[in-house]
Amino acid sequence: MSAVVEAAVVEAARHARAGRYDPALRLLDTAGGQDSGDVEVLDLLARVHAQRGDLARADACWASVERLDPEHAGARDGRRRIRETWAGRRSTGGAAVGAAAACLLLAGGGAAVGWALAPGPTSDQGADPAVAQELTRLRHEVGELRATAPSASPSPSGGGPTSEGAMSEDRAALEEVRDALVDPRWTTTLDARSVVVTFRDPVFLAGGAETSERGGDMLEGLADRLGDLADVEVTVVGHTSDTVPVPGGPYANNAEVGLVRALAAAQVIASGSGIPLGAVDVASVGDVDPPYPNTNEADRVRNQTVTVAVEVVP
């Protein structure tokens, strides 16, 4: 999922939770709508249609999800509930089965981007319009830059599985990146596809995307290191502690806080590394899967951060 699509899904989910379905649908339309090839977009679109009572469109969206991912449990369960609802309507001469059926269609989904759609309050939780406007501006800026960024060359099609030698070369390339990024201000770990940078100290002050003095230094230091690397792709993931935003504050939920942190960090990294901002992916997981366990106050503070994944371009 691209940064722009992910931002649209996060924002659409926030609107849908608050019962603002029309803005949610408009945002999802910008991400491809019913013609999208992205499972997250189609699944959320189906849930919004279901909550509005438009079960035919919801079923069509979930059918598209099942074509893309035949094992998708949410789509399977959603379509089953729609069939049960339609069967109930037929047996009662067309009468609605009740609002509970539509609410059940919306349970779960979306953990990958830090949201879980469920019926929510109809108010805007006091969100600051200026903050929303700034989020929109940043997302549009990232989207425009990504549209002009050169695309990566497609990998040659060998028609068969990756050879053991190629896998070994990929691993060696990742280890070189890890060694180049070693610094006492953060830890570097290898996963299957990337080097993940986890900062030792909090990058942001509590409650928003203002960097601490130490956090700014760490981001600039990482940007300097990334500027020395060639043929890498960078993804910035925003995190929060499990402390919920202050009611009436500028952010409605932790997914939104994580997103604005990822966008802020991406700007620093792009500026200091020479990597085009449009080529830096951003994501938010909010308080899901934090880098440090939320078991004490010190680690909750450390989770006011981002993690950075660096992949080697083939």
C-alpha atoms as a PDB file:
ATOM      1  CA  MET A   1       0.000   0.000   0.000  1.00  0.00           C
ATOM      2  CA  SER A   2       1.436   3.381  -1.013  1.00  0.00           C
ATOM      3  CA  ALA A   3       1.823   6.210   1.485  1.00  0.00           C
ATOM      4  CA  VAL A   4      -0.961   8.218  -0.132  1.00  0.00           C
ATOM      5  CA  VAL A   5      -3.430   5.314  -0.201  1.00  0.00           C
ATOM      6  CA  GLU A   6      -2.579   4.411   3.389  1.00  0.00           C
ATOM      7  CA  ALA A   7      -3.134   8.006   4.525  1.00  0.00           C
ATOM      8  CA  ALA A   8      -6.513   8.014   2.758  1.00  0.00           C
ATOM      9  CA  VAL A   9      -7.526   4.733   4.425  1.00  0.00           C
ATOM     10  CA  VAL A  10      -6.510   5.962   7.890  1.00  0.00           C
ATOM     11  CA  GLU A  11      -8.431   9.204   7.447  1.00  0.00           C
ATOM     12  CA  ALA A  12     -11.458   7.423   5.934  1.00  0.00           C
ATOM     13  CA  ALA A  13     -11.552   4.999   8.867  1.00  0.00           C
ATOM     14  CA  ARG A  14     -11.510   7.938  11.303  1.00  0.00           C
ATOM     15  CA  HIS A  15     -14.509   9.495   9.540  1.00  0.00           C
ATOM     16  CA  ALA A  16     -16.352   6.167   9.395  1.00  0.00           C
ATOM     17  CA  ARG A  17     -15.846   5.493  13.102  1.00  0.00           C
ATOM     18  CA  ALA A  18     -17.441   8.862  13.808  1.00  0.00           C
ATOM     19  CA  GLY A  19     -20.388   8.127  11.524  1.00  0.00           C
ATOM     20  CA  ARG A  20     -19.276  10.530   8.758  1.00  0.00           C
ATOM     21  CA  TYR A  21     -19.753   8.120   5.870  1.00  0.00           C
ATOM     22  CA  ASP A  22     -19.849  10.572   2.957  1.00  0.00           C
ATOM     23  CA  PRO A  23     -16.350  12.000   3.654  1.00  0.00           C
ATOM     24  CA  ALA A  24     -15.101   8.443   4.184  1.00  0.00           C
ATOM     25  CA  LEU A  25     -16.451   7.383   0.785  1.00  0.00           C
ATOM     26  CA  ARG A  26     -14.940  10.424  -0.923  1.00  0.00           C
ATOM     27  CA  LEU A  27     -11.514   9.616   0.532  1.00  0.00           C
ATOM     28  CA  LEU A  28     -11.788   5.980  -0.501  1.00  0.00           C
ATOM     29  CA  ASP A  29     -12.729   7.092  -4.020  1.00  0.00           C
ATOM     30  CA  THR A  30      -9.407   8.975  -4.201  1.00  0.00           C
ATOM     31  CA  ALA A  31      -7.701   5.672  -3.332  1.00  0.00           C
ATOM     32  CA  GLY A  32      -9.377   3.832  -6.200  1.00  0.00           C
ATOM     33  CA  GLY A  33     -12.791   3.146  -4.730  1.00  0.00           C
ATOM     34  CA  GLN A  34     -14.554   0.036  -5.956  1.00  0.00           C
ATOM     35  CA  ASP A  35     -12.030  -0.292  -8.805  1.00  0.00           C
ATOM     36  CA  SER A  36      -9.106  -0.453  -6.365  1.00  0.00           C
ATOM     37  CA  GLY A  37      -6.826  -3.453  -6.341  1.00  0.00           C
ATOM     38  CA  ASP A  38      -5.988  -2.914  -2.668  1.00  0.00           C
ATOM     39  CA  VAL A  39      -7.637  -5.256  -0.164  1.00  0.00           C
ATOM     40  CA  GLU A  40      -7.599  -2.683   2.674  1.00  0.00           C
ATOM     41  CA  VAL A  41      -9.390  -0.080   0.545  1.00  0.00           C
ATOM     42  CA  LEU A  42     -12.043  -2.519  -0.670  1.00  0.00           C
ATOM     43  CA  ASP A  43     -12.608  -4.018   2.789  1.00  0.00           C
ATOM     44  CA  LEU A  44     -13.134  -0.627   4.419  1.00  0.00           C
ATOM     45  CA  LEU A  45     -15.352   0.452   1.521  1.00  0.00           C
ATOM     46  CA  ALA A  46     -17.504  -2.643   2.026  1.00  0.00           C
ATOM     47  CA  ARG A  47     -17.833  -1.926   5.750  1.00  0.00           C
ATOM     48  CA  VAL A  48     -18.881   1.679   5.125  1.00  0.00           C
ATOM     49  CA  HIS A  49     -21.489   0.596   2.554  1.00  0.00           C
ATOM     50  CA  ALA A  50     -22.764  -2.042   4.989  1.00  0.00           C
ATOM     51  CA  GLN A  51     -23.128   0.481   7.789  1.00  0.00           C
ATOM     52  CA  ARG A  52     -25.082   2.755   5.434  1.00  0.00           C
ATOM     53  CA  GLY A  53     -27.381  -0.160   4.631  1.00  0.00           C
ATOM     54  CA  ASP A  54     -26.225  -0.492   1.002  1.00  0.00           C
ATOM     55  CA  LEU A  55     -25.665  -4.246   1.205  1.00  0.00           C
ATOM     56  CA  ALA A  56     -25.484  -4.787  -2.563  1.00  0.00           C
ATOM     57  CA  ARG A  57     -22.450  -2.516  -2.893  1.00  0.00           C
ATOM     58  CA  ALA A  58     -20.920  -3.966   0.265  1.00  0.00           C
ATOM     59  CA  ASP A  59     -21.279  -7.463  -1.136  1.00  0.00           C
ATOM     60  CA  ALA A  60     -19.703  -6.390  -4.455  1.00  0.00           C
ATOM     61  CA  CYS A  61     -16.698  -4.896  -2.644  1.00  0.00           C
ATOM     62  CA  TRP A  62     -16.208  -7.989  -0.494  1.00  0.00           C
ATOM     63  CA  ALA A  63     -16.499 -10.145  -3.603  1.00  0.00           C
ATOM     64  CA  SER A  64     -13.567  -8.171  -5.049  1.00  0.00           C
ATOM     65  CA  VAL A  65     -11.638  -8.712  -1.808  1.00  0.00           C
ATOM     66  CA  GLU A  66     -12.209 -12.457  -2.049  1.00  0.00           C
ATOM     67  CA  ARG A  67     -10.917 -12.490  -5.618  1.00  0.00           C
ATOM     68  CA  LEU A  68      -7.727 -10.791  -4.458  1.00  0.00           C
ATOM     69  CA  ASP A  69      -7.428 -12.759  -1.199  1.00  0.00           C
ATOM     70  CA  PRO A  70      -9.569 -15.923  -1.127  1.00  0.00           C
ATOM     71  CA  GLU A  71      -8.666 -16.503   2.541  1.00  0.00           C
ATOM     72  CA  HIS A  72      -9.796 -13.061   3.748  1.00  0.00           C
ATOM     73  CA  ALA A  73     -11.902 -13.825   6.839  1.00  0.00           C
ATOM     74  CA  GLY A  74     -13.548 -10.396   7.012  1.00  0.00           C
ATOM     75  CA  ALA A  75     -14.861 -10.623   3.459  1.00  0.00           C
ATOM     76  CA  ARG A  76     -16.099 -14.167   3.975  1.00  0.00           C
ATOM     77  CA  ASP A  77     -17.905 -13.307   7.206  1.00  0.00           C
ATOM     78  CA  GLY A  78     -19.289 -10.083   5.790  1.00  0.00           C
ATOM     79  CA  ARG A  79     -20.801 -11.782   2.754  1.00  0.00           C
ATOM     80  CA  ARG A  80     -22.238 -14.519   4.958  1.00  0.00           C
ATOM     81  CA  ARG A  81     -23.962 -11.935   7.156  1.00  0.00           C
ATOM     82  CA  ILE A  82     -25.302 -10.175   4.057  1.00  0.00           C
ATOM     83  CA  ARG A  83     -26.775 -13.437   2.788  1.00  0.00           C
ATOM     84  CA  GLU A  84     -28.362 -14.033   6.189  1.00  0.00           C
ATOM     85  CA  THR A  85     -29.757 -10.494   6.171  1.00  0.00           C
ATOM     86  CA  TRP A  86     -31.207 -10.884   2.694  1.00  0.00           C
ATOM     87  CA  ALA A  87     -32.697 -14.245   3.651  1.00  0.00           C
ATOM     88  CA  GLY A  88     -34.309 -12.626   6.705  1.00  0.00           C
ATOM     89  CA  ARG A  89     -35.757  -9.822   4.606  1.00  0.00           C
ATOM     90  CA  ARG A  90     -37.292 -12.267   2.163  1.00  0.00           C
ATOM     91  CA  SER A  91     -38.826 -14.298   4.985  1.00  0.00           C
ATOM     92  CA  THR A  92     -40.417 -11.167   6.509  1.00  0.00           C
ATOM     93  CA  GLY A  93     -41.786  -9.803   3.242  1.00  0.00           C
ATOM     94  CA  GLY A  94     -39.000  -7.225   2.735  1.00  0.00           C
ATOM     95  CA  ALA A  95     -38.843  -5.810   6.264  1.00  0.00           C
ATOM     96  CA  ALA A  96     -35.402  -4.811   7.549  1.00  0.00           C
ATOM     97  CA  VAL A  97     -33.810  -7.329   9.885  1.00  0.00           C
ATOM     98  CA  GLY A  98     -32.515  -4.562  12.137  1.00  0.00           C
ATOM     99  CA  ALA A  99     -29.558  -2.259  12.725  1.00  0.00           C
ATOM    100  CA  ALA A 100     -27.614  -4.900  14.629  1.00  0.00           C
ATOM    101  CA  ALA A 101     -26.857  -6.816  11.423  1.00  0.00           C
ATOM    102  CA  ALA A 102     -25.162  -3.811   9.837  1.00  0.00           C
ATOM    103  CA  CYS A 103     -23.157  -3.121  12.984  1.00  0.00           C
ATOM    104  CA  LEU A 104     -21.926  -6.708  13.090  1.00  0.00           C
ATOM    105  CA  LEU A 105     -20.676  -6.356   9.522  1.00  0.00           C
ATOM    106  CA  LEU A 106     -18.223  -3.728  10.710  1.00  0.00           C
ATOM    107  CA  ALA A 107     -16.428  -5.669  13.428  1.00  0.00           C
ATOM    108  CA  GLY A 108     -12.658  -5.965  13.097  1.00  0.00           C
ATOM    109  CA  GLY A 109     -10.332  -5.285  10.181  1.00  0.00           C
ATOM    110  CA  GLY A 110      -7.530  -2.890   9.413  1.00  0.00           C
ATOM    111  CA  ALA A 111      -4.892  -3.664  12.041  1.00  0.00           C
ATOM    112  CA  ALA A 112      -2.163  -3.163   9.468  1.00  0.00           C
ATOM    113  CA  VAL A 113      -2.781   0.564   9.415  1.00  0.00           C
ATOM    114  CA  GLY A 114      -3.764   1.022  13.012  1.00  0.00           C
ATOM    115  CA  TRP A 115      -7.553   1.228  12.793  1.00  0.00           C
ATOM    116  CA  ALA A 116     -10.461  -1.011  13.650  1.00  0.00           C
ATOM    117  CA  LEU A 117     -13.754   0.186  12.241  1.00  0.00           C
ATOM    118  CA  ALA A 118     -16.708  -0.008  14.593  1.00  0.00           C
ATOM    119  CA  PRO A 119     -19.704   2.215  15.313  1.00  0.00           C
ATOM    120  CA  GLY A 120     -18.507   5.377  17.039  1.00  0.00           C
ATOM    121  CA  PRO A 121     -19.675   8.777  18.214  1.00  0.00           C
ATOM    122  CA  THR A 122     -21.033  11.239  15.703  1.00  0.00           C
ATOM    123  CA  SER A 123     -19.004  14.178  17.000  1.00  0.00           C
ATOM    124  CA  ASP A 124     -15.527  15.066  15.722  1.00  0.00           C
ATOM    125  CA  GLN A 125     -13.983  14.625  19.186  1.00  0.00           C
ATOM    126  CA  GLY A 126     -12.929  18.294  19.074  1.00  0.00           C
ATOM    127  CA  ALA A 127     -10.286  17.754  16.389  1.00  0.00           C
ATOM    128  CA  ASP A 128      -8.451  20.943  15.466  1.00  0.00           C
ATOM    129  CA  PRO A 129      -9.313  21.991  11.861  1.00  0.00           C
ATOM    130  CA  ALA A 130      -5.865  23.562  11.494  1.00  0.00           C
ATOM    131  CA  VAL A 131      -4.212  20.243  12.293  1.00  0.00           C
ATOM    132  CA  ALA A 132      -6.461  18.410   9.835  1.00  0.00           C
ATOM    133  CA  GLN A 133      -5.601  20.983   7.178  1.00  0.00           C
ATOM    134  CA  GLU A 134      -1.883  20.522   7.831  1.00  0.00           C
ATOM    135  CA  LEU A 135      -2.211  16.735   7.612  1.00  0.00           C
ATOM    136  CA  THR A 136      -3.984  17.110   4.280  1.00  0.00           C
ATOM    137  CA  ARG A 137      -1.306  19.471   2.968  1.00  0.00           C
ATOM    138  CA  LEU A 138       1.484  17.106   3.961  1.00  0.00           C
ATOM    139  CA  ARG A 139      -0.258  14.118   2.409  1.00  0.00           C
ATOM    140  CA  HIS A 140      -0.834  16.002  -0.850  1.00  0.00           C
ATOM    141  CA  GLU A 141       2.798  17.118  -0.881  1.00  0.00           C
ATOM    142  CA  VAL A 142       3.989  13.553  -0.408  1.00  0.00           C
ATOM    143  CA  GLY A 143       1.577  12.342  -3.084  1.00  0.00           C
ATOM    144  CA  GLU A 144       2.728  14.910  -5.641  1.00  0.00           C
ATOM    145  CA  LEU A 145       6.383  14.139  -5.018  1.00  0.00           C
ATOM    146  CA  ARG A 146       5.771  10.401  -5.220  1.00  0.00           C
ATOM    147  CA  ALA A 147       4.035  10.898  -8.571  1.00  0.00           C
ATOM    148  CA  THR A 148       7.160  12.527 -10.014  1.00  0.00           C
ATOM    149  CA  ALA A 149       9.689  10.180  -8.371  1.00  0.00           C
ATOM    150  CA  PRO A 150      11.358   7.750 -10.813  1.00  0.00           C
ATOM    151  CA  SER A 151       9.971   4.248 -10.491  1.00  0.00           C
ATOM    152  CA  ALA A 152      12.214   1.343  -9.684  1.00  0.00           C
ATOM    153  CA  SER A 153      13.223  -0.878 -12.592  1.00  0.00           C
ATOM    154  CA  PRO A 154      11.299  -4.125 -12.701  1.00  0.00           C
ATOM    155  CA  SER A 155      13.215  -7.168 -11.649  1.00  0.00           C
ATOM    156  CA  PRO A 156      13.994  -9.660 -14.397  1.00  0.00           C
ATOM    157  CA  SER A 157      11.501 -12.486 -14.668  1.00  0.00           C
ATOM    158  CA  GLY A 158      13.287 -15.761 -14.422  1.00  0.00           C
ATOM    159  CA  GLY A 159      10.113 -17.806 -14.336  1.00  0.00           C
ATOM    160  CA  GLY A 160      11.276 -19.798 -11.344  1.00  0.00           C
ATOM    161  CA  PRO A 161      12.002 -19.513  -7.634  1.00  0.00           C
ATOM    162  CA  THR A 162      14.804 -17.300  -6.393  1.00  0.00           C
ATOM    163  CA  SER A 163      18.060 -19.188  -6.361  1.00  0.00           C
ATOM    164  CA  GLU A 164      19.915 -19.849  -3.161  1.00  0.00           C
ATOM    165  CA  GLY A 165      22.814 -17.794  -4.491  1.00  0.00           C
ATOM    166  CA  ALA A 166      20.577 -14.769  -5.109  1.00  0.00           C
ATOM    167  CA  MET A 167      19.100 -15.069  -1.626  1.00  0.00           C
ATOM    168  CA  SER A 168      22.605 -15.149  -0.188  1.00  0.00           C
ATOM    169  CA  GLU A 169      23.525 -12.018  -2.160  1.00  0.00           C
ATOM    170  CA  ASP A 170      20.407 -10.235  -0.913  1.00  0.00           C
ATOM    171  CA  ARG A 171      21.295 -11.128   2.664  1.00  0.00           C
ATOM    172  CA  ALA A 172      24.849  -9.906   2.201  1.00  0.00           C
ATOM    173  CA  ALA A 173      23.562  -6.603   0.794  1.00  0.00           C
ATOM    174  CA  LEU A 174      21.291  -6.138   3.818  1.00  0.00           C
ATOM    175  CA  GLU A 175      24.170  -6.886   6.173  1.00  0.00           C
ATOM    176  CA  GLU A 176      26.254  -4.206   4.436  1.00  0.00           C
ATOM    177  CA  VAL A 177      23.441  -1.697   4.976  1.00  0.00           C
ATOM    178  CA  ARG A 178      23.145  -2.723   8.621  1.00  0.00           C
ATOM    179  CA  ASP A 179      26.900  -2.277   9.164  1.00  0.00           C
ATOM    180  CA  ALA A 180      26.811   1.147   7.494  1.00  0.00           C
ATOM    181  CA  LEU A 181      24.003   2.299   9.805  1.00  0.00           C
ATOM    182  CA  VAL A 182      25.518   1.152  13.127  1.00  0.00           C
ATOM    183  CA  ASP A 183      25.317   3.991  15.661  1.00  0.00           C
ATOM    184  CA  PRO A 184      25.006   4.137  19.463  1.00  0.00           C
ATOM    185  CA  ARG A 185      21.871   6.297  19.144  1.00  0.00           C
ATOM    186  CA  TRP A 186      19.801   3.434  17.727  1.00  0.00           C
ATOM    187  CA  THR A 187      19.726  -0.310  17.187  1.00  0.00           C
ATOM    188  CA  THR A 188      19.714  -2.009  13.788  1.00  0.00           C
ATOM    189  CA  THR A 189      18.130  -5.410  13.258  1.00  0.00           C
ATOM    190  CA  LEU A 190      17.668  -7.567  10.177  1.00  0.00           C
ATOM    191  CA  ASP A 191      14.383  -9.069   9.124  1.00  0.00           C
ATOM    192  CA  ALA A 192      13.666 -11.010   5.930  1.00  0.00           C
ATOM    193  CA  ARG A 193      13.661  -7.954   3.657  1.00  0.00           C
ATOM    194  CA  SER A 194      15.028  -4.929   5.455  1.00  0.00           C
ATOM    195  CA  VAL A 195      17.198  -3.352   8.105  1.00  0.00           C
ATOM    196  CA  VAL A 196      15.007  -1.894  10.858  1.00  0.00           C
ATOM    197  CA  VAL A 197      16.285   1.114  12.807  1.00  0.00           C
ATOM    198  CA  THR A 198      14.869   1.523  16.333  1.00  0.00           C
ATOM    199  CA  PHE A 199      15.812   4.664  18.239  1.00  0.00           C
ATOM    200  CA  ARG A 200      16.976   4.226  21.835  1.00  0.00           C
ATOM    201  CA  ASP A 201      15.430   7.491  23.067  1.00  0.00           C
ATOM    202  CA  PRO A 202      12.056   9.099  22.335  1.00  0.00           C
ATOM    203  CA  VAL A 203      12.025  11.032  19.074  1.00  0.00           C
ATOM    204  CA  PHE A 204       8.933  13.132  19.815  1.00  0.00           C
ATOM    205  CA  LEU A 205       7.457  15.011  22.708  1.00  0.00           C
ATOM    206  CA  ALA A 206       4.251  13.627  24.190  1.00  0.00           C
ATOM    207  CA  GLY A 207       1.005  14.026  22.310  1.00  0.00           C
ATOM    208  CA  GLY A 208       2.141  15.080  18.851  1.00  0.00           C
ATOM    209  CA  ALA A 209       4.850  15.406  16.204  1.00  0.00           C
ATOM    210  CA  GLU A 210       7.173  17.957  17.800  1.00  0.00           C
ATOM    211  CA  THR A 211      10.645  16.411  17.965  1.00  0.00           C
ATOM    212  CA  SER A 212      12.621  16.509  21.155  1.00  0.00           C
ATOM    213  CA  GLU A 213      16.138  17.981  21.005  1.00  0.00           C
ATOM    214  CA  ARG A 214      17.556  14.476  21.154  1.00  0.00           C
ATOM    215  CA  GLY A 215      14.994  13.227  18.625  1.00  0.00           C
ATOM    216  CA  GLY A 216      15.907  15.828  16.035  1.00  0.00           C
ATOM    217  CA  ASP A 217      19.572  14.949  16.426  1.00  0.00           C
ATOM    218  CA  MET A 218      18.842  11.243  15.921  1.00  0.00           C
ATOM    219  CA  LEU A 219      16.743  11.799  12.792  1.00  0.00           C
ATOM    220  CA  GLU A 220      19.371  14.079  11.280  1.00  0.00           C
ATOM    221  CA  GLY A 221      22.095  11.572  12.118  1.00  0.00           C
ATOM    222  CA  LEU A 222      20.193   8.754  10.428  1.00  0.00           C
ATOM    223  CA  ALA A 223      19.507  10.956   7.407  1.00  0.00           C
ATOM    224  CA  ASP A 224      23.225  11.637   7.070  1.00  0.00           C
ATOM    225  CA  ARG A 225      23.972   7.895   7.108  1.00  0.00           C
ATOM    226  CA  LEU A 226      21.215   7.137   4.586  1.00  0.00           C
ATOM    227  CA  GLY A 227      22.642   9.772   2.252  1.00  0.00           C
ATOM    228  CA  ASP A 228      25.791   7.660   1.896  1.00  0.00           C
ATOM    229  CA  LEU A 229      23.848   4.606   0.729  1.00  0.00           C
ATOM    230  CA  ALA A 230      22.851   3.815  -2.836  1.00  0.00           C
ATOM    231  CA  ASP A 231      19.897   1.813  -4.133  1.00  0.00           C
ATOM    232  CA  VAL A 232      17.817   1.692  -0.967  1.00  0.00           C
ATOM    233  CA  GLU A 233      14.138   2.262  -0.228  1.00  0.00           C
ATOM    234  CA  VAL A 234      13.048   3.843   3.063  1.00  0.00           C
ATOM    235  CA  THR A 235       9.797   3.414   4.987  1.00  0.00           C
ATOM    236  CA  VAL A 236       9.056   5.453   8.116  1.00  0.00           C
ATOM    237  CA  VAL A 237       6.514   3.957  10.536  1.00  0.00           C
ATOM    238  CA  GLY A 238       4.926   6.122  13.223  1.00  0.00           C
ATOM    239  CA  HIS A 239       4.371   4.763  16.755  1.00  0.00           C
ATOM    240  CA  THR A 240       2.745   5.865  19.995  1.00  0.00           C
ATOM    241  CA  SER A 241       2.414   4.523  23.506  1.00  0.00           C
ATOM    242  CA  ASP A 242      -0.858   2.992  24.670  1.00  0.00           C
ATOM    243  CA  THR A 243      -1.876   6.332  26.212  1.00  0.00           C
ATOM    244  CA  VAL A 244      -4.887   7.664  24.313  1.00  0.00           C
ATOM    245  CA  PRO A 245      -4.889  11.259  23.023  1.00  0.00           C
ATOM    246  CA  VAL A 246      -6.426  13.883  25.305  1.00  0.00           C
ATOM    247  CA  PRO A 247     -10.155  14.254  24.533  1.00  0.00           C
ATOM    248  CA  GLY A 248     -10.767  17.484  22.660  1.00  0.00           C
ATOM    249  CA  GLY A 249      -7.129  17.643  21.553  1.00  0.00           C
ATOM    250  CA  PRO A 250      -5.838  17.967  18.000  1.00  0.00           C
ATOM    251  CA  TYR A 251      -5.732  14.209  17.267  1.00  0.00           C
ATOM    252  CA  ALA A 252      -8.652  11.831  17.412  1.00  0.00           C
ATOM    253  CA  ASN A 253      -6.650   8.629  17.944  1.00  0.00           C
ATOM    254  CA  ASN A 254      -3.175   7.156  18.123  1.00  0.00           C
ATOM    255  CA  ALA A 255      -3.211   6.084  14.474  1.00  0.00           C
ATOM    256  CA  GLU A 256      -3.451   9.761  13.545  1.00  0.00           C
ATOM    257  CA  VAL A 257      -0.630  10.721  15.924  1.00  0.00           C
ATOM    258  CA  GLY A 258       1.555   7.992  14.439  1.00  0.00           C
ATOM    259  CA  LEU A 259       0.856   9.193  10.907  1.00  0.00           C
ATOM    260  CA  VAL A 260       1.772  12.821  11.554  1.00  0.00           C
ATOM    261  CA  ARG A 261       4.963  11.628  13.305  1.00  0.00           C
ATOM    262  CA  ALA A 262       5.879   9.493  10.295  1.00  0.00           C
ATOM    263  CA  LEU A 263       5.298  12.435   7.951  1.00  0.00           C
ATOM    264  CA  ALA A 264       7.397  14.775  10.114  1.00  0.00           C
ATOM    265  CA  ALA A 265      10.269  12.266  10.353  1.00  0.00           C
ATOM    266  CA  ALA A 266      10.110  11.588   6.602  1.00  0.00           C
ATOM    267  CA  GLN A 267      10.629  15.281   5.919  1.00  0.00           C
ATOM    268  CA  VAL A 268      13.745  15.410   8.122  1.00  0.00           C
ATOM    269  CA  ILE A 269      15.160  12.233   6.583  1.00  0.00           C
ATOM    270  CA  ALA A 270      14.521  13.413   3.031  1.00  0.00           C
ATOM    271  CA  SER A 271      16.022  16.838   3.698  1.00  0.00           C
ATOM    272  CA  GLY A 272      19.188  15.448   5.282  1.00  0.00           C
ATOM    273  CA  SER A 273      19.764  12.430   3.041  1.00  0.00           C
ATOM    274  CA  GLY A 274      19.025  13.780  -0.417  1.00  0.00           C
ATOM    275  CA  ILE A 275      16.400  11.064  -0.925  1.00  0.00           C
ATOM    276  CA  PRO A 276      13.336  12.689  -2.550  1.00  0.00           C
ATOM    277  CA  LEU A 277      10.525  13.086  -0.049  1.00  0.00           C
ATOM    278  CA  GLY A 278       8.188  11.460  -2.536  1.00  0.00           C
ATOM    279  CA  ALA A 279      10.360   8.324  -2.489  1.00  0.00           C
ATOM    280  CA  VAL A 280      10.032   7.869   1.291  1.00  0.00           C
ATOM    281  CA  ASP A 281       7.061   5.704   2.259  1.00  0.00           C
ATOM    282  CA  VAL A 282       5.174   6.541   5.449  1.00  0.00           C
ATOM    283  CA  ALA A 283       2.895   4.390   7.580  1.00  0.00           C
ATOM    284  CA  SER A 284       1.272   4.455  11.010  1.00  0.00           C
ATOM    285  CA  VAL A 285       0.530   1.624  13.391  1.00  0.00           C
ATOM    286  CA  GLY A 286      -0.412   3.893  16.299  1.00  0.00           C
ATOM    287  CA  ASP A 287      -0.142   1.914  19.529  1.00  0.00           C
ATOM    288  CA  VAL A 288      -0.161  -1.476  17.759  1.00  0.00           C
ATOM    289  CA  ASP A 289       3.124  -3.432  17.860  1.00  0.00           C
ATOM    290  CA  PRO A 290       5.222  -0.778  19.658  1.00  0.00           C
ATOM    291  CA  PRO A 291       9.028  -1.013  19.581  1.00  0.00           C
ATOM    292  CA  TYR A 292       9.100  -1.200  23.401  1.00  0.00           C
ATOM    293  CA  PRO A 293       6.609  -2.906  25.714  1.00  0.00           C
ATOM    294  CA  ASN A 294       4.085  -0.537  27.299  1.00  0.00           C
ATOM    295  CA  THR A 295       4.726  -1.944  30.757  1.00  0.00           C
ATOM    296  CA  ASN A 296       6.357   1.051  32.432  1.00  0.00           C
ATOM    297  CA  GLU A 297       6.463   4.808  32.023  1.00  0.00           C
ATOM    298  CA  ALA A 298      10.025   4.882  30.641  1.00  0.00           C
ATOM    299  CA  ASP A 299       9.145   2.583  27.750  1.00  0.00           C
ATOM    300  CA  ARG A 300       5.878   4.408  27.086  1.00  0.00           C
ATOM    301  CA  VAL A 301       7.946   7.560  26.597  1.00  0.00           C
ATOM    302  CA  ARG A 302      10.354   5.708  24.285  1.00  0.00           C
ATOM    303  CA  ASN A 303       7.385   4.686  22.140  1.00  0.00           C
ATOM    304  CA  GLN A 304       6.893   8.361  21.179  1.00  0.00           C
ATOM    305  CA  THR A 305       8.882   7.510  18.082  1.00  0.00           C
ATOM    306  CA  VAL A 306       9.197   6.173  14.584  1.00  0.00           C
ATOM    307  CA  THR A 307      10.982   3.131  13.285  1.00  0.00           C
ATOM    308  CA  VAL A 308      12.706   3.199   9.897  1.00  0.00           C
ATOM    309  CA  ALA A 309      12.918   0.209   7.548  1.00  0.00           C
ATOM    310  CA  VAL A 310      15.623   0.284   4.852  1.00  0.00           C
ATOM    311  CA  GLU A 311      15.370  -2.140   1.941  1.00  0.00           C
ATOM    312  CA  VAL A 312      17.915  -2.781  -0.798  1.00  0.00           C
ATOM    313  CA  VAL A 313      16.575  -2.146  -4.299  1.00  0.00           C
ATOM    314  CA  PRO A 314      17.292  -5.178  -6.539  1.00  0.00           C
END
